[in-house]
Amino acid sequence: MNASPAAAARFSRSADAEGLRDSRPAYAIVPSTRDRLRGYLSMTRPSVVGLVFFTGVPALAIDGFGWPGWARSSTILLGIALCAAASSVFNAWLERASDALMERTRTRPLPTGLIEPRAALLWGMVLLVGGVGTLFAIGGMPGALAGAATVAFYVFVYTIWLKPRTPLNIVIGGAAGAAPPLIVDACLTGGIGLMSLTLFTLVFLWTPPHFWAIALFRKEDYARAGFPMLPNTHGDAATRRRIVLYALCLVPFALLPALTRNLSLAYGAFALVVSLWFVWECVELLRKADVARARRTFFASLLYLHLLFTGMTVDLLLLRT
């Protein structure tokens, strides 16, 4: 019986991964403790953890009750950071074969053999227990459940189910990266309020254009690993159009905290300016279909989110202290 095209593709990717693993750098000596520690740290993807941490900060005070105190605030954010780090490590463990096929990921600790898979899995579990335990200590069962559910969603729904199967992977999977405001609210109030939902929706809608910009200039990489990213399944033009659509959808959610007076009108004016700038950057991507513009849109998306959440934090510090 002939193998199906899907099975043949899986076999081909597996064979390619094995070949890359055979040709990965062989350590002539046992890696130093310092190298291994750097490997464990890099698996947590500190830049991603930092961004996740950052988006949780305004949620601490945006509901109008004021800052909960630095000790409580920092403990909640620590729990969120540990859960995000655990998600990254589990993702690295699950995708170690695919990472070996992609140019931008083949030098990560698992594909190169710096860290053994069993050690990586254990490291992820330690981080998960630490994160959920921290959230439970400060926010009780609602906080712990919110943190655990976020990790489970990222690992099982996004990494295992969505990412290898559908171009909607990052659309739905973006919910995990957008969860910090919900976790903060669960820890502080035991529930989910309008403002935490607003911040969640803002990051949720920001995630697709951010990752689709990467997918535009890393299209061959994703194809080699077998991930059905939107540019590979629907084409570059369709991807660029969707990026503009999502950028437009971001604008009302960026303004909503000012419209509800949870933040000042000064923040609202700032959010309008930076949101229109980001929409313009995305429109330029639609007009100038090249790799350089896709890279620029990627960096613009990072700057946009940082500017927006910095604006919220500064506004809250001025109003609530």
C-alpha atoms as a PDB file:
ATOM      1  CA  MET A   1       0.000   0.000   0.000  1.00  0.00           C
ATOM      2  CA  ASN A   2       1.356   3.435  -0.966  1.00  0.00           C
ATOM      3  CA  ALA A   3       1.834   5.960   1.809  1.00  0.00           C
ATOM      4  CA  SER A   4      -0.426   9.005   1.820  1.00  0.00           C
ATOM      5  CA  PRO A   5       1.091  12.392   0.875  1.00  0.00           C
ATOM      6  CA  ALA A   6       0.683  13.554   4.479  1.00  0.00           C
ATOM      7  CA  ALA A   7       2.484  10.466   5.787  1.00  0.00           C
ATOM      8  CA  ALA A   8       5.231  10.873   3.207  1.00  0.00           C
ATOM      9  CA  ALA A   9       5.676  14.512   4.200  1.00  0.00           C
ATOM     10  CA  ARG A  10       5.902  13.545   7.856  1.00  0.00           C
ATOM     11  CA  PHE A  11       8.464  10.857   6.996  1.00  0.00           C
ATOM     12  CA  SER A  12      10.479  13.338   4.935  1.00  0.00           C
ATOM     13  CA  ARG A  13      10.504  15.904   7.737  1.00  0.00           C
ATOM     14  CA  SER A  14      11.471  13.206  10.225  1.00  0.00           C
ATOM     15  CA  ALA A  15      14.305  12.000   8.008  1.00  0.00           C
ATOM     16  CA  ASP A  16      15.514  15.563   7.494  1.00  0.00           C
ATOM     17  CA  ALA A  17      15.453  16.124  11.250  1.00  0.00           C
ATOM     18  CA  GLU A  18      17.446  12.959  11.845  1.00  0.00           C
ATOM     19  CA  GLY A  19      20.001  14.043   9.260  1.00  0.00           C
ATOM     20  CA  LEU A  20      20.369  17.414  10.909  1.00  0.00           C
ATOM     21  CA  ARG A  21      20.704  15.811  14.318  1.00  0.00           C
ATOM     22  CA  ASP A  22      23.454  13.596  12.936  1.00  0.00           C
ATOM     23  CA  SER A  23      25.276  16.655  11.618  1.00  0.00           C
ATOM     24  CA  ARG A  24      24.724  18.881  14.647  1.00  0.00           C
ATOM     25  CA  PRO A  25      27.828  20.110  16.480  1.00  0.00           C
ATOM     26  CA  ALA A  26      29.371  17.310  18.511  1.00  0.00           C
ATOM     27  CA  TYR A  27      30.852  18.458  21.780  1.00  0.00           C
ATOM     28  CA  ALA A  28      34.453  17.301  22.035  1.00  0.00           C
ATOM     29  CA  ILE A  29      34.230  17.785  25.786  1.00  0.00           C
ATOM     30  CA  VAL A  30      31.352  17.870  28.190  1.00  0.00           C
ATOM     31  CA  PRO A  31      29.757  21.345  28.015  1.00  0.00           C
ATOM     32  CA  SER A  32      30.640  23.578  30.931  1.00  0.00           C
ATOM     33  CA  THR A  33      28.137  24.288  33.676  1.00  0.00           C
ATOM     34  CA  ARG A  34      28.003  27.858  32.448  1.00  0.00           C
ATOM     35  CA  ASP A  35      27.069  26.734  28.921  1.00  0.00           C
ATOM     36  CA  ARG A  36      24.341  24.461  30.262  1.00  0.00           C
ATOM     37  CA  LEU A  37      22.921  27.205  32.491  1.00  0.00           C
ATOM     38  CA  ARG A  38      22.805  29.510  29.498  1.00  0.00           C
ATOM     39  CA  GLY A  39      21.018  26.765  27.583  1.00  0.00           C
ATOM     40  CA  TYR A  40      18.391  26.323  30.294  1.00  0.00           C
ATOM     41  CA  LEU A  41      17.860  30.082  30.380  1.00  0.00           C
ATOM     42  CA  SER A  42      17.599  30.428  26.603  1.00  0.00           C
ATOM     43  CA  MET A  43      14.916  27.712  26.450  1.00  0.00           C
ATOM     44  CA  THR A  44      12.671  29.963  28.530  1.00  0.00           C
ATOM     45  CA  ARG A  45      12.945  32.626  25.780  1.00  0.00           C
ATOM     46  CA  PRO A  46      13.594  35.589  28.092  1.00  0.00           C
ATOM     47  CA  SER A  47      12.511  38.166  25.514  1.00  0.00           C
ATOM     48  CA  VAL A  48       9.102  36.494  25.216  1.00  0.00           C
ATOM     49  CA  VAL A  49       8.794  36.132  28.989  1.00  0.00           C
ATOM     50  CA  GLY A  50       9.696  39.811  29.368  1.00  0.00           C
ATOM     51  CA  LEU A  51       6.972  40.830  26.920  1.00  0.00           C
ATOM     52  CA  VAL A  52       4.396  38.646  28.662  1.00  0.00           C
ATOM     53  CA  PHE A  53       5.476  40.079  32.013  1.00  0.00           C
ATOM     54  CA  PHE A  54       5.192  43.616  30.611  1.00  0.00           C
ATOM     55  CA  THR A  55       1.617  43.197  29.373  1.00  0.00           C
ATOM     56  CA  GLY A  56       0.496  42.154  32.848  1.00  0.00           C
ATOM     57  CA  VAL A  57       1.694  45.359  34.550  1.00  0.00           C
ATOM     58  CA  PRO A  58      -1.167  47.771  33.659  1.00  0.00           C
ATOM     59  CA  ALA A  59      -3.743  45.134  34.639  1.00  0.00           C
ATOM     60  CA  LEU A  60      -2.597  45.508  38.249  1.00  0.00           C
ATOM     61  CA  ALA A  61      -4.253  48.929  38.561  1.00  0.00           C
ATOM     62  CA  ILE A  62      -6.391  49.584  35.496  1.00  0.00           C
ATOM     63  CA  ASP A  63      -9.615  48.448  37.181  1.00  0.00           C
ATOM     64  CA  GLY A  64      -9.618  51.620  39.278  1.00  0.00           C
ATOM     65  CA  PHE A  65      -8.738  50.152  42.679  1.00  0.00           C
ATOM     66  CA  GLY A  66      -5.138  51.392  42.639  1.00  0.00           C
ATOM     67  CA  TRP A  67      -1.853  49.509  42.785  1.00  0.00           C
ATOM     68  CA  PRO A  68      -2.021  46.458  45.066  1.00  0.00           C
ATOM     69  CA  GLY A  69       1.418  47.059  46.598  1.00  0.00           C
ATOM     70  CA  TRP A  70       4.854  46.219  45.236  1.00  0.00           C
ATOM     71  CA  ALA A  71       5.219  42.921  47.105  1.00  0.00           C
ATOM     72  CA  ARG A  72       1.904  41.548  45.857  1.00  0.00           C
ATOM     73  CA  SER A  73       2.370  42.991  42.376  1.00  0.00           C
ATOM     74  CA  SER A  74       5.851  41.557  41.933  1.00  0.00           C
ATOM     75  CA  THR A  75       4.739  38.132  43.202  1.00  0.00           C
ATOM     76  CA  ILE A  76       1.868  37.971  40.704  1.00  0.00           C
ATOM     77  CA  LEU A  77       4.168  39.016  37.862  1.00  0.00           C
ATOM     78  CA  LEU A  78       6.764  36.464  38.970  1.00  0.00           C
ATOM     79  CA  GLY A  79       4.147  33.705  38.823  1.00  0.00           C
ATOM     80  CA  ILE A  80       3.124  34.821  35.327  1.00  0.00           C
ATOM     81  CA  ALA A  81       6.760  34.920  34.186  1.00  0.00           C
ATOM     82  CA  LEU A  82       7.421  31.406  35.491  1.00  0.00           C
ATOM     83  CA  CYS A  83       4.325  30.052  33.720  1.00  0.00           C
ATOM     84  CA  ALA A  84       5.402  31.756  30.488  1.00  0.00           C
ATOM     85  CA  ALA A  85       8.895  30.290  30.867  1.00  0.00           C
ATOM     86  CA  ALA A  86       7.420  26.819  31.421  1.00  0.00           C
ATOM     87  CA  SER A  87       5.334  27.187  28.249  1.00  0.00           C
ATOM     88  CA  SER A  88       8.436  28.106  26.250  1.00  0.00           C
ATOM     89  CA  VAL A  89      10.406  25.129  27.568  1.00  0.00           C
ATOM     90  CA  PHE A  90       7.567  22.671  26.841  1.00  0.00           C
ATOM     91  CA  ASN A  91       7.295  24.176  23.351  1.00  0.00           C
ATOM     92  CA  ALA A  92      11.052  23.708  22.810  1.00  0.00           C
ATOM     93  CA  TRP A  93      10.821  20.103  24.014  1.00  0.00           C
ATOM     94  CA  LEU A  94       7.886  19.275  21.746  1.00  0.00           C
ATOM     95  CA  GLU A  95       9.308  21.020  18.671  1.00  0.00           C
ATOM     96  CA  ARG A  96      12.941  19.949  18.971  1.00  0.00           C
ATOM     97  CA  ALA A  97      12.802  17.984  15.683  1.00  0.00           C
ATOM     98  CA  SER A  98      11.125  20.846  13.827  1.00  0.00           C
ATOM     99  CA  ASP A  99      13.565  23.331  15.332  1.00  0.00           C
ATOM    100  CA  ALA A 100      16.403  21.298  13.842  1.00  0.00           C
ATOM    101  CA  LEU A 101      14.954  21.960  10.372  1.00  0.00           C
ATOM    102  CA  MET A 102      14.637  25.730  10.687  1.00  0.00           C
ATOM    103  CA  GLU A 103      17.522  28.111  10.172  1.00  0.00           C
ATOM    104  CA  ARG A 104      16.520  30.466  12.978  1.00  0.00           C
ATOM    105  CA  THR A 105      16.019  27.670  15.551  1.00  0.00           C
ATOM    106  CA  ARG A 106      18.544  24.946  14.691  1.00  0.00           C
ATOM    107  CA  THR A 107      21.130  26.362  17.111  1.00  0.00           C
ATOM    108  CA  ARG A 108      18.803  26.154  20.117  1.00  0.00           C
ATOM    109  CA  PRO A 109      19.935  23.973  23.060  1.00  0.00           C
ATOM    110  CA  LEU A 110      17.841  20.894  22.207  1.00  0.00           C
ATOM    111  CA  PRO A 111      18.628  20.596  18.474  1.00  0.00           C
ATOM    112  CA  THR A 112      22.351  21.041  19.147  1.00  0.00           C
ATOM    113  CA  GLY A 113      22.371  18.530  21.992  1.00  0.00           C
ATOM    114  CA  LEU A 114      23.495  21.041  24.614  1.00  0.00           C
ATOM    115  CA  ILE A 115      20.485  20.066  26.747  1.00  0.00           C
ATOM    116  CA  GLU A 116      19.028  16.563  26.774  1.00  0.00           C
ATOM    117  CA  PRO A 117      15.273  16.240  26.126  1.00  0.00           C
ATOM    118  CA  ARG A 118      14.606  14.564  29.486  1.00  0.00           C
ATOM    119  CA  ALA A 119      16.382  17.386  31.326  1.00  0.00           C
ATOM    120  CA  ALA A 120      14.423  19.970  29.357  1.00  0.00           C
ATOM    121  CA  LEU A 121      11.115  18.310  30.232  1.00  0.00           C
ATOM    122  CA  LEU A 122      12.046  18.252  33.900  1.00  0.00           C
ATOM    123  CA  TRP A 123      13.061  21.913  33.736  1.00  0.00           C
ATOM    124  CA  GLY A 124       9.675  22.806  32.264  1.00  0.00           C
ATOM    125  CA  MET A 125       7.875  20.935  35.037  1.00  0.00           C
ATOM    126  CA  VAL A 126       9.916  22.725  37.716  1.00  0.00           C
ATOM    127  CA  LEU A 127       9.006  26.086  36.193  1.00  0.00           C
ATOM    128  CA  LEU A 128       5.348  25.106  35.919  1.00  0.00           C
ATOM    129  CA  VAL A 129       5.134  24.039  39.566  1.00  0.00           C
ATOM    130  CA  GLY A 130       6.939  27.208  40.603  1.00  0.00           C
ATOM    131  CA  GLY A 131       4.645  29.433  38.552  1.00  0.00           C
ATOM    132  CA  VAL A 132       1.346  27.835  39.527  1.00  0.00           C
ATOM    133  CA  GLY A 133       2.492  27.562  43.157  1.00  0.00           C
ATOM    134  CA  THR A 134       3.406  31.260  43.243  1.00  0.00           C
ATOM    135  CA  LEU A 135       0.054  32.268  41.765  1.00  0.00           C
ATOM    136  CA  PHE A 136      -1.761  30.037  44.260  1.00  0.00           C
ATOM    137  CA  ALA A 137       0.144  31.591  47.166  1.00  0.00           C
ATOM    138  CA  ILE A 138      -0.847  35.112  46.143  1.00  0.00           C
ATOM    139  CA  GLY A 139      -4.159  34.630  44.325  1.00  0.00           C
ATOM    140  CA  GLY A 140      -5.577  31.379  45.659  1.00  0.00           C
ATOM    141  CA  MET A 141      -7.253  28.838  43.436  1.00  0.00           C
ATOM    142  CA  PRO A 142      -8.506  31.352  40.792  1.00  0.00           C
ATOM    143  CA  GLY A 143      -4.968  32.595  40.169  1.00  0.00           C
ATOM    144  CA  ALA A 144      -3.475  29.100  40.103  1.00  0.00           C
ATOM    145  CA  LEU A 145      -6.137  27.796  37.724  1.00  0.00           C
ATOM    146  CA  ALA A 146      -5.701  30.778  35.403  1.00  0.00           C
ATOM    147  CA  GLY A 147      -1.940  30.193  35.226  1.00  0.00           C
ATOM    148  CA  ALA A 148      -2.239  26.433  34.751  1.00  0.00           C
ATOM    149  CA  ALA A 149      -4.945  26.828  32.093  1.00  0.00           C
ATOM    150  CA  THR A 150      -2.770  29.261  30.156  1.00  0.00           C
ATOM    151  CA  VAL A 151       0.154  26.815  30.059  1.00  0.00           C
ATOM    152  CA  ALA A 152      -2.146  23.923  29.126  1.00  0.00           C
ATOM    153  CA  PHE A 153      -3.712  25.959  26.322  1.00  0.00           C
ATOM    154  CA  TYR A 154      -0.316  26.934  24.922  1.00  0.00           C
ATOM    155  CA  VAL A 155       1.076  23.403  25.063  1.00  0.00           C
ATOM    156  CA  PHE A 156      -1.887  21.234  24.089  1.00  0.00           C
ATOM    157  CA  VAL A 157      -4.129  23.507  22.037  1.00  0.00           C
ATOM    158  CA  TYR A 158      -1.537  25.682  20.279  1.00  0.00           C
ATOM    159  CA  THR A 159       1.713  23.696  20.086  1.00  0.00           C
ATOM    160  CA  ILE A 160       0.362  20.161  19.684  1.00  0.00           C
ATOM    161  CA  TRP A 161      -2.997  20.671  17.957  1.00  0.00           C
ATOM    162  CA  LEU A 162      -3.163  23.977  16.066  1.00  0.00           C
ATOM    163  CA  LYS A 163       0.354  24.870  14.970  1.00  0.00           C
ATOM    164  CA  PRO A 164       1.066  21.823  12.778  1.00  0.00           C
ATOM    165  CA  ARG A 165      -2.481  21.617  11.382  1.00  0.00           C
ATOM    166  CA  THR A 166      -4.005  24.982  10.463  1.00  0.00           C
ATOM    167  CA  PRO A 167      -3.002  28.497   9.368  1.00  0.00           C
ATOM    168  CA  LEU A 168      -5.337  29.706  12.113  1.00  0.00           C
ATOM    169  CA  ASN A 169      -2.741  28.454  14.604  1.00  0.00           C
ATOM    170  CA  ILE A 170      -1.529  31.874  15.689  1.00  0.00           C
ATOM    171  CA  VAL A 171      -5.008  33.432  15.581  1.00  0.00           C
ATOM    172  CA  ILE A 172      -6.446  31.040  18.154  1.00  0.00           C
ATOM    173  CA  GLY A 173      -3.166  30.218  19.866  1.00  0.00           C
ATOM    174  CA  GLY A 174      -2.560  33.905  20.554  1.00  0.00           C
ATOM    175  CA  ALA A 175      -4.963  33.601  23.475  1.00  0.00           C
ATOM    176  CA  ALA A 176      -2.181  32.060  25.590  1.00  0.00           C
ATOM    177  CA  GLY A 177       0.185  34.996  25.109  1.00  0.00           C
ATOM    178  CA  ALA A 178      -2.638  37.441  25.775  1.00  0.00           C
ATOM    179  CA  ALA A 179      -3.629  35.848  29.102  1.00  0.00           C
ATOM    180  CA  PRO A 180      -1.486  37.819  31.651  1.00  0.00           C
ATOM    181  CA  PRO A 181      -4.142  40.521  32.277  1.00  0.00           C
ATOM    182  CA  LEU A 182      -6.688  37.772  32.963  1.00  0.00           C
ATOM    183  CA  ILE A 183      -4.303  36.026  35.358  1.00  0.00           C
ATOM    184  CA  VAL A 184      -3.671  39.297  37.186  1.00  0.00           C
ATOM    185  CA  ASP A 185      -7.399  39.940  37.534  1.00  0.00           C
ATOM    186  CA  ALA A 186      -8.023  36.377  38.728  1.00  0.00           C
ATOM    187  CA  CYS A 187      -5.335  36.803  41.401  1.00  0.00           C
ATOM    188  CA  LEU A 188      -6.607  40.184  42.577  1.00  0.00           C
ATOM    189  CA  THR A 189     -10.382  39.796  42.344  1.00  0.00           C
ATOM    190  CA  GLY A 190     -11.056  36.101  41.791  1.00  0.00           C
ATOM    191  CA  GLY A 191     -12.759  36.926  38.484  1.00  0.00           C
ATOM    192  CA  ILE A 192     -12.404  38.618  35.089  1.00  0.00           C
ATOM    193  CA  GLY A 193     -13.405  42.251  34.556  1.00  0.00           C
ATOM    194  CA  LEU A 194     -13.961  44.510  31.553  1.00  0.00           C
ATOM    195  CA  MET A 195     -10.519  46.118  31.609  1.00  0.00           C
ATOM    196  CA  SER A 196      -8.598  42.858  31.870  1.00  0.00           C
ATOM    197  CA  LEU A 197     -10.688  41.537  28.967  1.00  0.00           C
ATOM    198  CA  THR A 198      -9.857  44.708  27.018  1.00  0.00           C
ATOM    199  CA  LEU A 199      -6.125  44.236  27.536  1.00  0.00           C
ATOM    200  CA  PHE A 200      -6.451  40.535  26.707  1.00  0.00           C
ATOM    201  CA  THR A 201      -8.264  41.364  23.453  1.00  0.00           C
ATOM    202  CA  LEU A 202      -5.682  43.984  22.582  1.00  0.00           C
ATOM    203  CA  VAL A 203      -2.789  41.510  22.812  1.00  0.00           C
ATOM    204  CA  PHE A 204      -4.910  38.770  21.204  1.00  0.00           C
ATOM    205  CA  LEU A 205      -5.542  40.938  18.124  1.00  0.00           C
ATOM    206  CA  TRP A 206      -1.930  42.149  18.040  1.00  0.00           C
ATOM    207  CA  THR A 207      -0.472  38.627  17.940  1.00  0.00           C
ATOM    208  CA  PRO A 208      -1.476  37.592  14.371  1.00  0.00           C
ATOM    209  CA  PRO A 209       0.018  40.617  12.555  1.00  0.00           C
ATOM    210  CA  HIS A 210       3.167  40.298  14.662  1.00  0.00           C
ATOM    211  CA  PHE A 211       3.696  36.621  13.804  1.00  0.00           C
ATOM    212  CA  TRP A 212       2.440  36.887  10.230  1.00  0.00           C
ATOM    213  CA  ALA A 213       5.118  39.515   9.616  1.00  0.00           C
ATOM    214  CA  ILE A 214       7.689  36.958  10.788  1.00  0.00           C
ATOM    215  CA  ALA A 215       6.069  34.311   8.601  1.00  0.00           C
ATOM    216  CA  LEU A 216       6.411  36.549   5.549  1.00  0.00           C
ATOM    217  CA  PHE A 217      10.192  36.771   5.789  1.00  0.00           C
ATOM    218  CA  ARG A 218      10.634  33.255   7.216  1.00  0.00           C
ATOM    219  CA  LYS A 219       8.287  31.516   4.802  1.00  0.00           C
ATOM    220  CA  GLU A 220      10.798  28.942   3.573  1.00  0.00           C
ATOM    221  CA  ASP A 221      11.810  28.137   7.133  1.00  0.00           C
ATOM    222  CA  TYR A 222       8.246  27.338   8.157  1.00  0.00           C
ATOM    223  CA  ALA A 223       7.658  25.338   4.968  1.00  0.00           C
ATOM    224  CA  ARG A 224      10.762  23.258   5.663  1.00  0.00           C
ATOM    225  CA  ALA A 225       9.456  22.435   9.141  1.00  0.00           C
ATOM    226  CA  GLY A 226       5.975  21.639   7.822  1.00  0.00           C
ATOM    227  CA  PHE A 227       4.080  24.390   9.649  1.00  0.00           C
ATOM    228  CA  PRO A 228       1.066  25.712   7.671  1.00  0.00           C
ATOM    229  CA  MET A 229       1.633  29.415   8.233  1.00  0.00           C
ATOM    230  CA  LEU A 230      -0.669  31.805   6.413  1.00  0.00           C
ATOM    231  CA  PRO A 231       1.792  32.978   3.718  1.00  0.00           C
ATOM    232  CA  ASN A 232       2.431  29.340   2.767  1.00  0.00           C
ATOM    233  CA  THR A 233      -1.242  28.348   2.626  1.00  0.00           C
ATOM    234  CA  HIS A 234      -2.944  31.536   1.387  1.00  0.00           C
ATOM    235  CA  GLY A 235      -0.125  33.560  -0.153  1.00  0.00           C
ATOM    236  CA  ASP A 236       1.704  36.749   0.757  1.00  0.00           C
ATOM    237  CA  ALA A 237      -0.937  39.156  -0.545  1.00  0.00           C
ATOM    238  CA  ALA A 238      -3.712  37.592   1.546  1.00  0.00           C
ATOM    239  CA  THR A 239      -1.447  37.671   4.593  1.00  0.00           C
ATOM    240  CA  ARG A 240      -0.654  41.361   4.134  1.00  0.00           C
ATOM    241  CA  ARG A 241      -4.343  42.210   3.785  1.00  0.00           C
ATOM    242  CA  ARG A 242      -5.146  40.390   7.008  1.00  0.00           C
ATOM    243  CA  ILE A 243      -2.329  42.199   8.799  1.00  0.00           C
ATOM    244  CA  VAL A 244      -3.927  45.533   7.873  1.00  0.00           C
ATOM    245  CA  LEU A 245      -7.363  44.300   8.972  1.00  0.00           C
ATOM    246  CA  TYR A 246      -6.100  43.218  12.373  1.00  0.00           C
ATOM    247  CA  ALA A 247      -4.194  46.486  12.813  1.00  0.00           C
ATOM    248  CA  LEU A 248      -7.429  48.391  12.227  1.00  0.00           C
ATOM    249  CA  CYS A 249      -9.261  46.183  14.734  1.00  0.00           C
ATOM    250  CA  LEU A 250      -6.652  47.074  17.361  1.00  0.00           C
ATOM    251  CA  VAL A 251      -7.526  50.781  17.373  1.00  0.00           C
ATOM    252  CA  PRO A 252     -10.824  50.731  19.327  1.00  0.00           C
ATOM    253  CA  PHE A 253      -9.424  48.394  21.983  1.00  0.00           C
ATOM    254  CA  ALA A 254      -6.360  50.612  22.411  1.00  0.00           C
ATOM    255  CA  LEU A 255      -8.702  53.583  22.991  1.00  0.00           C
ATOM    256  CA  LEU A 256     -11.304  51.854  25.167  1.00  0.00           C
ATOM    257  CA  PRO A 257      -9.523  52.366  28.538  1.00  0.00           C
ATOM    258  CA  ALA A 258      -9.588  56.123  27.909  1.00  0.00           C
ATOM    259  CA  LEU A 259     -13.205  56.078  26.735  1.00  0.00           C
ATOM    260  CA  THR A 260     -14.254  54.310  29.932  1.00  0.00           C
ATOM    261  CA  ARG A 261     -12.084  56.789  31.915  1.00  0.00           C
ATOM    262  CA  ASN A 262     -10.026  53.996  33.462  1.00  0.00           C
ATOM    263  CA  LEU A 263      -7.151  55.866  31.850  1.00  0.00           C
ATOM    264  CA  SER A 264      -6.849  59.543  31.036  1.00  0.00           C
ATOM    265  CA  LEU A 265      -7.731  61.321  27.815  1.00  0.00           C
ATOM    266  CA  ALA A 266      -4.022  62.091  27.457  1.00  0.00           C
ATOM    267  CA  TYR A 267      -3.402  58.343  27.194  1.00  0.00           C
ATOM    268  CA  GLY A 268      -6.259  58.158  24.687  1.00  0.00           C
ATOM    269  CA  ALA A 269      -4.617  60.767  22.460  1.00  0.00           C
ATOM    270  CA  PHE A 270      -1.282  58.972  22.712  1.00  0.00           C
ATOM    271  CA  ALA A 271      -2.892  55.595  21.928  1.00  0.00           C
ATOM    272  CA  LEU A 272      -4.655  57.055  18.895  1.00  0.00           C
ATOM    273  CA  VAL A 273      -1.408  58.454  17.491  1.00  0.00           C
ATOM    274  CA  VAL A 274       0.637  55.272  17.945  1.00  0.00           C
ATOM    275  CA  SER A 275      -2.239  53.093  16.686  1.00  0.00           C
ATOM    276  CA  LEU A 276      -2.626  55.139  13.516  1.00  0.00           C
ATOM    277  CA  TRP A 277       1.149  54.964  13.042  1.00  0.00           C
ATOM    278  CA  PHE A 278       1.031  51.173  13.294  1.00  0.00           C
ATOM    279  CA  VAL A 279      -1.880  50.990  10.842  1.00  0.00           C
ATOM    280  CA  TRP A 280       0.173  53.119   8.439  1.00  0.00           C
ATOM    281  CA  GLU A 281       3.153  50.746   8.805  1.00  0.00           C
ATOM    282  CA  CYS A 282       0.880  47.817   7.942  1.00  0.00           C
ATOM    283  CA  VAL A 283      -0.608  49.646   4.954  1.00  0.00           C
ATOM    284  CA  GLU A 284       2.923  50.298   3.729  1.00  0.00           C
ATOM    285  CA  LEU A 285       3.546  46.538   3.960  1.00  0.00           C
ATOM    286  CA  LEU A 286       0.499  46.045   1.734  1.00  0.00           C
ATOM    287  CA  ARG A 287       1.887  48.550  -0.769  1.00  0.00           C
ATOM    288  CA  LYS A 288       5.546  47.476  -0.691  1.00  0.00           C
ATOM    289  CA  ALA A 289       5.607  43.706  -0.772  1.00  0.00           C
ATOM    290  CA  ASP A 290       9.210  42.904   0.092  1.00  0.00           C
ATOM    291  CA  VAL A 291      11.162  41.170   2.819  1.00  0.00           C
ATOM    292  CA  ALA A 292      12.631  44.409   4.190  1.00  0.00           C
ATOM    293  CA  ARG A 293       9.159  45.864   4.715  1.00  0.00           C
ATOM    294  CA  ALA A 294       7.969  42.657   6.422  1.00  0.00           C
ATOM    295  CA  ARG A 295      10.907  42.881   8.822  1.00  0.00           C
ATOM    296  CA  ARG A 296      10.103  46.520   9.475  1.00  0.00           C
ATOM    297  CA  THR A 297       6.478  45.641  10.235  1.00  0.00           C
ATOM    298  CA  PHE A 298       7.636  42.964  12.665  1.00  0.00           C
ATOM    299  CA  PHE A 299       9.786  45.449  14.592  1.00  0.00           C
ATOM    300  CA  ALA A 300       7.032  48.070  14.365  1.00  0.00           C
ATOM    301  CA  SER A 301       4.607  45.636  15.989  1.00  0.00           C
ATOM    302  CA  LEU A 302       6.994  45.143  18.907  1.00  0.00           C
ATOM    303  CA  LEU A 303       7.484  48.873  19.316  1.00  0.00           C
ATOM    304  CA  TYR A 304       3.744  49.484  19.098  1.00  0.00           C
ATOM    305  CA  LEU A 305       2.885  47.086  21.910  1.00  0.00           C
ATOM    306  CA  HIS A 306       5.699  48.422  24.112  1.00  0.00           C
ATOM    307  CA  LEU A 307       4.616  52.025  23.518  1.00  0.00           C
ATOM    308  CA  LEU A 308       0.980  51.240  24.249  1.00  0.00           C
ATOM    309  CA  PHE A 309       1.575  49.355  27.496  1.00  0.00           C
ATOM    310  CA  THR A 310       4.241  51.831  28.616  1.00  0.00           C
ATOM    311  CA  GLY A 311       1.703  54.606  28.055  1.00  0.00           C
ATOM    312  CA  MET A 312      -0.844  52.741  30.171  1.00  0.00           C
ATOM    313  CA  THR A 313       1.651  52.131  32.971  1.00  0.00           C
ATOM    314  CA  VAL A 314       2.860  55.736  33.057  1.00  0.00           C
ATOM    315  CA  ASP A 315      -0.718  56.995  33.037  1.00  0.00           C
ATOM    316  CA  LEU A 316      -1.641  54.707  35.929  1.00  0.00           C
ATOM    317  CA  LEU A 317       1.438  55.704  37.905  1.00  0.00           C
ATOM    318  CA  LEU A 318       0.516  59.371  37.510  1.00  0.00           C
ATOM    319  CA  LEU A 319      -3.153  58.845  38.342  1.00  0.00           C
ATOM    320  CA  ARG A 320      -3.027  56.154  41.002  1.00  0.00           C
ATOM    321  CA  THR A 321       0.010  57.188  43.082  1.00  0.00           C
END
